[in-house]
Amino acid sequence: MARPSSYPLELRKRAVRMVAEVRGDYPNESAAFKAVAGKLGIGSTETLRKWVRQDQVDSGARPGTSTEESTQLKAMKKEIAELKRANEILKAAASFFAAELDQPHTRS
């Protein structure tokens, strides 16, 4: 079974539209999710539920972090991690050169 992010975007949009269209035909939301997931071959109703929630956030109907904001946060976290790693390298180099300067040098 594929992870939700590996499903094509068009399939995710189609699934969300289908849930909205058939929701009234079923006694509860879970039954509608199960029917749509079965029709489209989506492995998990929870995957479909997450897509619907994310669509509601992206449209402003529900509070939360939009897909665009999430992408920006991931990029910023990656950049922060890279900067921390670069800082560690610089600190190691500074301590190495400080140790080299503290050692007495003799000519051979």
PDB file of N, CA and C in Angstrom:
ATOM      1  N   MET A   1       0.848  -1.173   0.000  1.00  0.00           N
ATOM      2  CA  MET A   1       0.000   0.000   0.000  1.00  0.00           C
ATOM      3  C   MET A   1       0.897   1.241   0.000  1.00  0.00           C
ATOM      4  N   ALA A   2       0.545   2.214  -0.811  1.00  0.00           N
ATOM      5  CA  ALA A   2       1.353   3.421  -0.941  1.00  0.00           C
ATOM      6  C   ALA A   2       1.082   4.387   0.204  1.00  0.00           C
ATOM      7  N   ARG A   3       2.080   5.173   0.522  1.00  0.00           N
ATOM      8  CA  ARG A   3       1.883   6.240   1.503  1.00  0.00           C
ATOM      9  C   ARG A   3       1.005   7.309   0.857  1.00  0.00           C
ATOM     10  N   PRO A   4       0.227   8.058   1.666  1.00  0.00           N
ATOM     11  CA  PRO A   4      -0.672   9.065   1.091  1.00  0.00           C
ATOM     12  C   PRO A   4       0.030  10.062   0.178  1.00  0.00           C
ATOM     13  N   SER A   5       1.238  10.466   0.518  1.00  0.00           N
ATOM     14  CA  SER A   5       1.935  11.457  -0.289  1.00  0.00           C
ATOM     15  C   SER A   5       2.382  10.907  -1.631  1.00  0.00           C
ATOM     16  N   SER A   6       2.392   9.585  -1.799  1.00  0.00           N
ATOM     17  CA  SER A   6       2.838   9.028  -3.066  1.00  0.00           C
ATOM     18  C   SER A   6       1.688   8.816  -4.047  1.00  0.00           C
ATOM     19  N   TYR A   7       0.456   9.077  -3.620  1.00  0.00           N
ATOM     20  CA  TYR A   7      -0.668   9.033  -4.542  1.00  0.00           C
ATOM     21  C   TYR A   7      -0.635  10.288  -5.410  1.00  0.00           C
ATOM     22  N   PRO A   8      -1.043  10.175  -6.668  1.00  0.00           N
ATOM     23  CA  PRO A   8      -1.065  11.361  -7.537  1.00  0.00           C
ATOM     24  C   PRO A   8      -2.033  12.418  -7.001  1.00  0.00           C
ATOM     25  N   LEU A   9      -1.681  13.674  -7.177  1.00  0.00           N
ATOM     26  CA  LEU A   9      -2.492  14.780  -6.687  1.00  0.00           C
ATOM     27  C   LEU A   9      -3.888  14.745  -7.299  1.00  0.00           C
ATOM     28  N   GLU A  10      -3.984  14.413  -8.585  1.00  0.00           N
ATOM     29  CA  GLU A  10      -5.295  14.384  -9.245  1.00  0.00           C
ATOM     30  C   GLU A  10      -6.204  13.338  -8.612  1.00  0.00           C
ATOM     31  N   LEU A  11      -5.644  12.191  -8.228  1.00  0.00           N
ATOM     32  CA  LEU A  11      -6.442  11.160  -7.552  1.00  0.00           C
ATOM     33  C   LEU A  11      -6.936  11.681  -6.209  1.00  0.00           C
ATOM     34  N   ARG A  12      -6.077  12.374  -5.488  1.00  0.00           N
ATOM     35  CA  ARG A  12      -6.469  12.913  -4.188  1.00  0.00           C
ATOM     36  C   ARG A  12      -7.604  13.921  -4.339  1.00  0.00           C
ATOM     37  N   LYS A  13      -7.508  14.809  -5.339  1.00  0.00           N
ATOM     38  CA  LYS A  13      -8.564  15.793  -5.574  1.00  0.00           C
ATOM     39  C   LYS A  13      -9.869  15.106  -5.973  1.00  0.00           C
ATOM     40  N   ARG A  14      -9.771  14.101  -6.836  1.00  0.00           N
ATOM     41  CA  ARG A  14     -10.958  13.369  -7.285  1.00  0.00           C
ATOM     42  C   ARG A  14     -11.625  12.671  -6.105  1.00  0.00           C
ATOM     43  N   ALA A  15     -10.823  12.069  -5.239  1.00  0.00           N
ATOM     44  CA  ALA A  15     -11.365  11.365  -4.074  1.00  0.00           C
ATOM     45  C   ALA A  15     -12.104  12.332  -3.148  1.00  0.00           C
ATOM     46  N   VAL A  16     -11.542  13.505  -2.926  1.00  0.00           N
ATOM     47  CA  VAL A  16     -12.181  14.505  -2.066  1.00  0.00           C
ATOM     48  C   VAL A  16     -13.514  14.938  -2.668  1.00  0.00           C
ATOM     49  N   ARG A  17     -13.528  15.173  -3.995  1.00  0.00           N
ATOM     50  CA  ARG A  17     -14.783  15.546  -4.663  1.00  0.00           C
ATOM     51  C   ARG A  17     -15.824  14.440  -4.538  1.00  0.00           C
ATOM     52  N   MET A  18     -15.388  13.193  -4.726  1.00  0.00           N
ATOM     53  CA  MET A  18     -16.319  12.066  -4.639  1.00  0.00           C
ATOM     54  C   MET A  18     -16.922  11.942  -3.246  1.00  0.00           C
ATOM     55  N   VAL A  19     -16.105  12.137  -2.223  1.00  0.00           N
ATOM     56  CA  VAL A  19     -16.614  12.056  -0.846  1.00  0.00           C
ATOM     57  C   VAL A  19     -17.691  13.115  -0.646  1.00  0.00           C
ATOM     58  N   ALA A  20     -17.439  14.326  -1.122  1.00  0.00           N
ATOM     59  CA  ALA A  20     -18.420  15.401  -0.971  1.00  0.00           C
ATOM     60  C   ALA A  20     -19.720  15.060  -1.700  1.00  0.00           C
ATOM     61  N   GLU A  21     -19.603  14.410  -2.864  1.00  0.00           N
ATOM     62  CA  GLU A  21     -20.790  14.077  -3.659  1.00  0.00           C
ATOM     63  C   GLU A  21     -21.625  12.958  -3.046  1.00  0.00           C
ATOM     64  N   VAL A  22     -20.977  11.947  -2.451  1.00  0.00           N
ATOM     65  CA  VAL A  22     -21.715  10.770  -1.976  1.00  0.00           C
ATOM     66  C   VAL A  22     -21.977  10.782  -0.471  1.00  0.00           C
ATOM     67  N   ARG A  23     -21.506  11.774   0.235  1.00  0.00           N
ATOM     68  CA  ARG A  23     -21.631  11.785   1.692  1.00  0.00           C
ATOM     69  C   ARG A  23     -23.087  11.632   2.151  1.00  0.00           C
ATOM     70  N   GLY A  24     -24.002  12.268   1.458  1.00  0.00           N
ATOM     71  CA  GLY A  24     -25.409  12.186   1.839  1.00  0.00           C
ATOM     72  C   GLY A  24     -26.056  10.833   1.537  1.00  0.00           C
ATOM     73  N   ASP A  25     -25.441  10.025   0.697  1.00  0.00           N
ATOM     74  CA  ASP A  25     -25.989   8.721   0.325  1.00  0.00           C
ATOM     75  C   ASP A  25     -25.709   7.637   1.365  1.00  0.00           C
ATOM     76  N   TYR A  26     -24.905   7.937   2.348  1.00  0.00           N
ATOM     77  CA  TYR A  26     -24.505   6.938   3.344  1.00  0.00           C
ATOM     78  C   TYR A  26     -24.921   7.398   4.734  1.00  0.00           C
ATOM     79  N   PRO A  27     -25.134   6.433   5.653  1.00  0.00           N
ATOM     80  CA  PRO A  27     -25.611   6.792   6.990  1.00  0.00           C
ATOM     81  C   PRO A  27     -24.617   7.609   7.812  1.00  0.00           C
ATOM     82  N   ASN A  28     -23.318   7.463   7.518  1.00  0.00           N
ATOM     83  CA  ASN A  28     -22.317   8.237   8.255  1.00  0.00           C
ATOM     84  C   ASN A  28     -21.096   8.491   7.367  1.00  0.00           C
ATOM     85  N   GLU A  29     -20.232   9.341   7.862  1.00  0.00           N
ATOM     86  CA  GLU A  29     -19.046   9.737   7.099  1.00  0.00           C
ATOM     87  C   GLU A  29     -18.120   8.550   6.832  1.00  0.00           C
ATOM     88  N   SER A  30     -17.978   7.681   7.822  1.00  0.00           N
ATOM     89  CA  SER A  30     -17.076   6.531   7.669  1.00  0.00           C
ATOM     90  C   SER A  30     -17.512   5.622   6.535  1.00  0.00           C
ATOM     91  N   ALA A  31     -18.819   5.417   6.393  1.00  0.00           N
ATOM     92  CA  ALA A  31     -19.323   4.576   5.314  1.00  0.00           C
ATOM     93  C   ALA A  31     -19.036   5.213   3.956  1.00  0.00           C
ATOM     94  N   ALA A  32     -19.179   6.534   3.871  1.00  0.00           N
ATOM     95  CA  ALA A  32     -18.872   7.238   2.624  1.00  0.00           C
ATOM     96  C   ALA A  32     -17.387   7.109   2.292  1.00  0.00           C
ATOM     97  N   PHE A  33     -16.522   7.273   3.292  1.00  0.00           N
ATOM     98  CA  PHE A  33     -15.079   7.112   3.074  1.00  0.00           C
ATOM     99  C   PHE A  33     -14.758   5.699   2.591  1.00  0.00           C
ATOM    100  N   LYS A  34     -15.369   4.710   3.207  1.00  0.00           N
ATOM    101  CA  LYS A  34     -15.106   3.320   2.849  1.00  0.00           C
ATOM    102  C   LYS A  34     -15.531   3.048   1.403  1.00  0.00           C
ATOM    103  N   ALA A  35     -16.690   3.574   1.012  1.00  0.00           N
ATOM    104  CA  ALA A  35     -17.176   3.364  -0.347  1.00  0.00           C
ATOM    105  C   ALA A  35     -16.259   4.011  -1.385  1.00  0.00           C
ATOM    106  N   VAL A  36     -15.869   5.247  -1.141  1.00  0.00           N
ATOM    107  CA  VAL A  36     -15.002   5.954  -2.088  1.00  0.00           C
ATOM    108  C   VAL A  36     -13.616   5.309  -2.139  1.00  0.00           C
ATOM    109  N   ALA A  37     -13.091   4.938  -0.991  1.00  0.00           N
ATOM    110  CA  ALA A  37     -11.772   4.283  -0.962  1.00  0.00           C
ATOM    111  C   ALA A  37     -11.813   2.979  -1.749  1.00  0.00           C
ATOM    112  N   GLY A  38     -12.898   2.225  -1.613  1.00  0.00           N
ATOM    113  CA  GLY A  38     -13.043   0.977  -2.356  1.00  0.00           C
ATOM    114  C   GLY A  38     -13.138   1.211  -3.858  1.00  0.00           C
ATOM    115  N   LYS A  39     -13.905   2.216  -4.270  1.00  0.00           N
ATOM    116  CA  LYS A  39     -14.075   2.516  -5.703  1.00  0.00           C
ATOM    117  C   LYS A  39     -12.761   2.942  -6.354  1.00  0.00           C
ATOM    118  N   LEU A  40     -11.965   3.704  -5.617  1.00  0.00           N
ATOM    119  CA  LEU A  40     -10.728   4.255  -6.195  1.00  0.00           C
ATOM    120  C   LEU A  40      -9.492   3.410  -5.900  1.00  0.00           C
ATOM    121  N   GLY A  41      -9.655   2.367  -5.100  1.00  0.00           N
ATOM    122  CA  GLY A  41      -8.505   1.519  -4.783  1.00  0.00           C
ATOM    123  C   GLY A  41      -7.527   2.146  -3.813  1.00  0.00           C
ATOM    124  N   ILE A  42      -8.040   2.997  -2.957  1.00  0.00           N
ATOM    125  CA  ILE A  42      -7.189   3.618  -1.930  1.00  0.00           C
ATOM    126  C   ILE A  42      -7.173   2.668  -0.746  1.00  0.00           C
ATOM    127  N   GLY A  43      -5.990   2.352  -0.257  1.00  0.00           N
ATOM    128  CA  GLY A  43      -5.848   1.316   0.749  1.00  0.00           C
ATOM    129  C   GLY A  43      -6.481   1.579   2.095  1.00  0.00           C
ATOM    130  N   SER A  44      -6.629   2.815   2.486  1.00  0.00           N
ATOM    131  CA  SER A  44      -7.064   3.103   3.845  1.00  0.00           C
ATOM    132  C   SER A  44      -8.085   4.238   3.856  1.00  0.00           C
ATOM    133  N   THR A  45      -9.143   4.059   4.645  1.00  0.00           N
ATOM    134  CA  THR A  45     -10.102   5.155   4.785  1.00  0.00           C
ATOM    135  C   THR A  45      -9.482   6.307   5.571  1.00  0.00           C
ATOM    136  N   GLU A  46      -8.517   6.000   6.426  1.00  0.00           N
ATOM    137  CA  GLU A  46      -7.836   7.060   7.178  1.00  0.00           C
ATOM    138  C   GLU A  46      -7.043   7.965   6.235  1.00  0.00           C
ATOM    139  N   THR A  47      -6.458   7.378   5.199  1.00  0.00           N
ATOM    140  CA  THR A  47      -5.758   8.169   4.183  1.00  0.00           C
ATOM    141  C   THR A  47      -6.723   9.141   3.536  1.00  0.00           C
ATOM    142  N   LEU A  48      -7.877   8.647   3.161  1.00  0.00           N
ATOM    143  CA  LEU A  48      -8.898   9.485   2.535  1.00  0.00           C
ATOM    144  C   LEU A  48      -9.384  10.568   3.500  1.00  0.00           C
ATOM    145  N   ARG A  49      -9.555  10.220   4.743  1.00  0.00           N
ATOM    146  CA  ARG A  49      -9.989  11.185   5.765  1.00  0.00           C
ATOM    147  C   ARG A  49      -8.963  12.322   5.889  1.00  0.00           C
ATOM    148  N   LYS A  50      -7.681  11.984   5.849  1.00  0.00           N
ATOM    149  CA  LYS A  50      -6.628  13.009   5.932  1.00  0.00           C
ATOM    150  C   LYS A  50      -6.673  13.935   4.722  1.00  0.00           C
ATOM    151  N   TRP A  51      -6.944  13.363   3.542  1.00  0.00           N
ATOM    152  CA  TRP A  51      -7.027  14.187   2.335  1.00  0.00           C
ATOM    153  C   TRP A  51      -8.173  15.181   2.435  1.00  0.00           C
ATOM    154  N   VAL A  52      -9.320  14.718   2.939  1.00  0.00           N
ATOM    155  CA  VAL A  52     -10.484  15.589   3.078  1.00  0.00           C
ATOM    156  C   VAL A  52     -10.175  16.703   4.081  1.00  0.00           C
ATOM    157  N   ARG A  53      -9.567  16.347   5.197  1.00  0.00           N
ATOM    158  CA  ARG A  53      -9.209  17.370   6.195  1.00  0.00           C
ATOM    159  C   ARG A  53      -8.244  18.393   5.615  1.00  0.00           C
ATOM    160  N   GLN A  54      -7.227  17.918   4.888  1.00  0.00           N
ATOM    161  CA  GLN A  54      -6.243  18.838   4.312  1.00  0.00           C
ATOM    162  C   GLN A  54      -6.901  19.742   3.281  1.00  0.00           C
ATOM    163  N   ASP A  55      -7.841  19.206   2.514  1.00  0.00           N
ATOM    164  CA  ASP A  55      -8.558  20.026   1.540  1.00  0.00           C
ATOM    165  C   ASP A  55      -9.357  21.112   2.256  1.00  0.00           C
ATOM    166  N   GLN A  56      -9.957  20.775   3.387  1.00  0.00           N
ATOM    167  CA  GLN A  56     -10.709  21.764   4.163  1.00  0.00           C
ATOM    168  C   GLN A  56      -9.783  22.851   4.711  1.00  0.00           C
ATOM    169  N   VAL A  57      -8.600  22.476   5.144  1.00  0.00           N
ATOM    170  CA  VAL A  57      -7.625  23.461   5.635  1.00  0.00           C
ATOM    171  C   VAL A  57      -7.175  24.362   4.495  1.00  0.00           C
ATOM    172  N   ASP A  58      -6.858  23.753   3.342  1.00  0.00           N
ATOM    173  CA  ASP A  58      -6.384  24.536   2.199  1.00  0.00           C
ATOM    174  C   ASP A  58      -7.438  25.510   1.693  1.00  0.00           C
ATOM    175  N   SER A  59      -8.717  25.143   1.807  1.00  0.00           N
ATOM    176  CA  SER A  59      -9.786  26.020   1.332  1.00  0.00           C
ATOM    177  C   SER A  59     -10.183  27.059   2.375  1.00  0.00           C
ATOM    178  N   GLY A  60      -9.647  26.938   3.589  1.00  0.00           N
ATOM    179  CA  GLY A  60      -9.951  27.891   4.643  1.00  0.00           C
ATOM    180  C   GLY A  60     -11.168  27.519   5.473  1.00  0.00           C
ATOM    181  N   ALA A  61     -11.754  26.361   5.197  1.00  0.00           N
ATOM    182  CA  ALA A  61     -12.944  25.928   5.931  1.00  0.00           C
ATOM    183  C   ALA A  61     -12.602  25.332   7.290  1.00  0.00           C
ATOM    184  N   ARG A  62     -11.332  25.054   7.512  1.00  0.00           N
ATOM    185  CA  ARG A  62     -10.910  24.418   8.757  1.00  0.00           C
ATOM    186  C   ARG A  62      -9.572  25.028   9.177  1.00  0.00           C
ATOM    187  N   PRO A  63      -9.380  25.286  10.466  1.00  0.00           N
ATOM    188  CA  PRO A  63      -8.083  25.838  10.895  1.00  0.00           C
ATOM    189  C   PRO A  63      -6.984  24.784  10.793  1.00  0.00           C
ATOM    190  N   GLY A  64      -5.788  25.242  10.536  1.00  0.00           N
ATOM    191  CA  GLY A  64      -4.661  24.325  10.461  1.00  0.00           C
ATOM    192  C   GLY A  64      -3.592  24.866   9.533  1.00  0.00           C
ATOM    193  N   THR A  65      -2.585  24.043   9.298  1.00  0.00           N
ATOM    194  CA  THR A  65      -1.474  24.426   8.443  1.00  0.00           C
ATOM    195  C   THR A  65      -1.775  23.986   7.017  1.00  0.00           C
ATOM    196  N   SER A  66      -1.802  24.938   6.092  1.00  0.00           N
ATOM    197  CA  SER A  66      -2.100  24.609   4.699  1.00  0.00           C
ATOM    198  C   SER A  66      -0.930  23.851   4.083  1.00  0.00           C
ATOM    199  N   THR A  67      -1.200  23.245   2.947  1.00  0.00           N
ATOM    200  CA  THR A  67      -0.170  22.478   2.246  1.00  0.00           C
ATOM    201  C   THR A  67       1.013  23.373   1.891  1.00  0.00           C
ATOM    202  N   GLU A  68       0.721  24.597   1.438  1.00  0.00           N
ATOM    203  CA  GLU A  68       1.789  25.531   1.075  1.00  0.00           C
ATOM    204  C   GLU A  68       2.626  25.906   2.295  1.00  0.00           C
ATOM    205  N   GLU A  69       1.947  26.185   3.405  1.00  0.00           N
ATOM    206  CA  GLU A  69       2.668  26.532   4.636  1.00  0.00           C
ATOM    207  C   GLU A  69       3.502  25.344   5.114  1.00  0.00           C
ATOM    208  N   SER A  70       2.951  24.156   4.987  1.00  0.00           N
ATOM    209  CA  SER A  70       3.667  22.954   5.398  1.00  0.00           C
ATOM    210  C   SER A  70       4.939  22.782   4.572  1.00  0.00           C
ATOM    211  N   THR A  71       4.837  23.029   3.279  1.00  0.00           N
ATOM    212  CA  THR A  71       6.004  22.929   2.397  1.00  0.00           C
ATOM    213  C   THR A  71       7.068  23.949   2.797  1.00  0.00           C
ATOM    214  N   GLN A  72       6.621  25.172   3.118  1.00  0.00           N
ATOM    215  CA  GLN A  72       7.558  26.208   3.539  1.00  0.00           C
ATOM    216  C   GLN A  72       8.229  25.839   4.859  1.00  0.00           C
ATOM    217  N   LEU A  73       7.444  25.281   5.799  1.00  0.00           N
ATOM    218  CA  LEU A  73       8.012  24.875   7.088  1.00  0.00           C
ATOM    219  C   LEU A  73       9.061  23.782   6.911  1.00  0.00           C
ATOM    220  N   LYS A  74       8.775  22.809   6.049  1.00  0.00           N
ATOM    221  CA  LYS A  74       9.742  21.734   5.795  1.00  0.00           C
ATOM    222  C   LYS A  74      11.038  22.295   5.225  1.00  0.00           C
ATOM    223  N   ALA A  75      10.918  23.224   4.282  1.00  0.00           N
ATOM    224  CA  ALA A  75      12.108  23.823   3.672  1.00  0.00           C
ATOM    225  C   ALA A  75      12.910  24.605   4.717  1.00  0.00           C
ATOM    226  N   MET A  76      12.209  25.335   5.577  1.00  0.00           N
ATOM    227  CA  MET A  76      12.897  26.095   6.618  1.00  0.00           C
ATOM    228  C   MET A  76      13.587  25.168   7.619  1.00  0.00           C
ATOM    229  N   LYS A  77      12.937  24.076   7.997  1.00  0.00           N
ATOM    230  CA  LYS A  77      13.544  23.122   8.929  1.00  0.00           C
ATOM    231  C   LYS A  77      14.792  22.498   8.322  1.00  0.00           C
ATOM    232  N   LYS A  78      14.729  22.204   7.016  1.00  0.00           N
ATOM    233  CA  LYS A  78      15.894  21.628   6.336  1.00  0.00           C
ATOM    234  C   LYS A  78      17.040  22.639   6.316  1.00  0.00           C
ATOM    235  N   GLU A  79      16.713  23.892   6.030  1.00  0.00           N
ATOM    236  CA  GLU A  79      17.736  24.930   6.001  1.00  0.00           C
ATOM    237  C   GLU A  79      18.352  25.138   7.376  1.00  0.00           C
ATOM    238  N   ILE A  80      17.527  25.106   8.413  1.00  0.00           N
ATOM    239  CA  ILE A  80      18.038  25.251   9.783  1.00  0.00           C
ATOM    240  C   ILE A  80      18.987  24.107  10.116  1.00  0.00           C
ATOM    241  N   ALA A  81      18.620  22.885   9.732  1.00  0.00           N
ATOM    242  CA  ALA A  81      19.480  21.727   9.999  1.00  0.00           C
ATOM    243  C   ALA A  81      20.825  21.878   9.276  1.00  0.00           C
ATOM    244  N   GLU A  82      20.781  22.362   8.025  1.00  0.00           N
ATOM    245  CA  GLU A  82      22.021  22.567   7.272  1.00  0.00           C
ATOM    246  C   GLU A  82      22.885  23.640   7.919  1.00  0.00           C
ATOM    247  N   LEU A  83      22.260  24.708   8.399  1.00  0.00           N
ATOM    248  CA  LEU A  83      23.012  25.775   9.063  1.00  0.00           C
ATOM    249  C   LEU A  83      23.626  25.293  10.377  1.00  0.00           C
ATOM    250  N   LYS A  84      22.885  24.471  11.119  1.00  0.00           N
ATOM    251  CA  LYS A  84      23.432  23.918  12.368  1.00  0.00           C
ATOM    252  C   LYS A  84      24.637  23.037  12.071  1.00  0.00           C
ATOM    253  N   ARG A  85      24.538  22.226  11.025  1.00  0.00           N
ATOM    254  CA  ARG A  85      25.659  21.353  10.648  1.00  0.00           C
ATOM    255  C   ARG A  85      26.875  22.189  10.237  1.00  0.00           C
ATOM    256  N   ALA A  86      26.641  23.239   9.460  1.00  0.00           N
ATOM    257  CA  ALA A  86      27.738  24.119   9.049  1.00  0.00           C
ATOM    258  C   ALA A  86      28.368  24.791  10.268  1.00  0.00           C
ATOM    259  N   ASN A  87      27.551  25.179  11.226  1.00  0.00           N
ATOM    260  CA  ASN A  87      28.053  25.803  12.448  1.00  0.00           C
ATOM    261  C   ASN A  87      28.923  24.819  13.232  1.00  0.00           C
ATOM    262  N   GLU A  88      28.493  23.551  13.301  1.00  0.00           N
ATOM    263  CA  GLU A  88      29.299  22.533  13.988  1.00  0.00           C
ATOM    264  C   GLU A  88      30.657  22.353  13.312  1.00  0.00           C
ATOM    265  N   ILE A  89      30.660  22.361  11.993  1.00  0.00           N
ATOM    266  CA  ILE A  89      31.922  22.215  11.238  1.00  0.00           C
ATOM    267  C   ILE A  89      32.837  23.402  11.520  1.00  0.00           C
ATOM    268  N   LEU A  90      32.269  24.602  11.521  1.00  0.00           N
ATOM    269  CA  LEU A  90      33.079  25.793  11.798  1.00  0.00           C
ATOM    270  C   LEU A  90      33.645  25.779  13.217  1.00  0.00           C
ATOM    271  N   LYS A  91      32.837  25.336  14.176  1.00  0.00           N
ATOM    272  CA  LYS A  91      33.327  25.253  15.556  1.00  0.00           C
ATOM    273  C   LYS A  91      34.466  24.246  15.666  1.00  0.00           C
ATOM    274  N   ALA A  92      34.318  23.102  14.987  1.00  0.00           N
ATOM    275  CA  ALA A  92      35.378  22.089  15.020  1.00  0.00           C
ATOM    276  C   ALA A  92      36.658  22.630  14.381  1.00  0.00           C
ATOM    277  N   ALA A  93      36.518  23.334  13.261  1.00  0.00           N
ATOM    278  CA  ALA A  93      37.687  23.911  12.600  1.00  0.00           C
ATOM    279  C   ALA A  93      38.332  24.968  13.483  1.00  0.00           C
ATOM    280  N   ALA A  94      37.547  25.798  14.137  1.00  0.00           N
ATOM    281  CA  ALA A  94      38.086  26.840  15.010  1.00  0.00           C
ATOM    282  C   ALA A  94      38.849  26.224  16.174  1.00  0.00           C
ATOM    283  N   SER A  95      38.302  25.157  16.772  1.00  0.00           N
ATOM    284  CA  SER A  95      39.010  24.553  17.900  1.00  0.00           C
ATOM    285  C   SER A  95      40.290  23.855  17.422  1.00  0.00           C
ATOM    286  N   PHE A  96      40.261  23.269  16.217  1.00  0.00           N
ATOM    287  CA  PHE A  96      41.465  22.641  15.671  1.00  0.00           C
ATOM    288  C   PHE A  96      42.557  23.688  15.464  1.00  0.00           C
ATOM    289  N   PHE A  97      42.211  24.811  14.833  1.00  0.00           N
ATOM    290  CA  PHE A  97      43.216  25.844  14.574  1.00  0.00           C
ATOM    291  C   PHE A  97      43.689  26.504  15.859  1.00  0.00           C
ATOM    292  N   ALA A  98      42.819  26.643  16.849  1.00  0.00           N
ATOM    293  CA  ALA A  98      43.231  27.204  18.130  1.00  0.00           C
ATOM    294  C   ALA A  98      44.238  26.270  18.805  1.00  0.00           C
ATOM    295  N   ALA A  99      44.000  24.966  18.717  1.00  0.00           N
ATOM    296  CA  ALA A  99      44.930  23.990  19.294  1.00  0.00           C
ATOM    297  C   ALA A  99      46.264  24.022  18.554  1.00  0.00           C
ATOM    298  N   GLU A 100      46.202  24.181  17.240  1.00  0.00           N
ATOM    299  CA  GLU A 100      47.435  24.262  16.447  1.00  0.00           C
ATOM    300  C   GLU A 100      48.249  25.503  16.828  1.00  0.00           C
ATOM    301  N   LEU A 101      47.568  26.599  17.087  1.00  0.00           N
ATOM    302  CA  LEU A 101      48.272  27.838  17.439  1.00  0.00           C
ATOM    303  C   LEU A 101      48.881  27.748  18.842  1.00  0.00           C
ATOM    304  N   ASP A 102      48.266  26.969  19.722  1.00  0.00           N
ATOM    305  CA  ASP A 102      48.774  26.843  21.079  1.00  0.00           C
ATOM    306  C   ASP A 102      49.989  25.939  21.182  1.00  0.00           C
ATOM    307  N   GLN A 103      50.216  25.069  20.202  1.00  0.00           N
ATOM    308  CA  GLN A 103      51.359  24.153  20.260  1.00  0.00           C
ATOM    309  C   GLN A 103      52.615  24.895  19.833  1.00  0.00           C
ATOM    310  N   PRO A 104      53.718  24.627  20.571  1.00  0.00           N
ATOM    311  CA  PRO A 104      54.981  25.253  20.155  1.00  0.00           C
ATOM    312  C   PRO A 104      55.490  24.591  18.858  1.00  0.00           C
ATOM    313  N   HIS A 105      55.911  25.405  17.945  1.00  0.00           N
ATOM    314  CA  HIS A 105      56.406  24.879  16.671  1.00  0.00           C
ATOM    315  C   HIS A 105      57.939  24.916  16.668  1.00  0.00           C
ATOM    316  N   THR A 106      58.537  23.834  16.247  1.00  0.00           N
ATOM    317  CA  THR A 106      59.990  23.770  16.126  1.00  0.00           C
ATOM    318  C   THR A 106      60.334  23.460  14.685  1.00  0.00           C
ATOM    319  N   ARG A 107      61.454  24.003  14.232  1.00  0.00           N
ATOM    320  CA  ARG A 107      61.881  23.713  12.880  1.00  0.00           C
ATOM    321  C   ARG A 107      62.662  22.423  12.851  1.00  0.00           C
ATOM    322  N   SER A 108      62.463  21.669  11.808  1.00  0.00           N
ATOM    323  CA  SER A 108      63.167  20.390  11.688  1.00  0.00           C
ATOM    324  C   SER A 108      64.374  20.541  10.827  1.00  0.00           C
TER     325      SER A 108
END
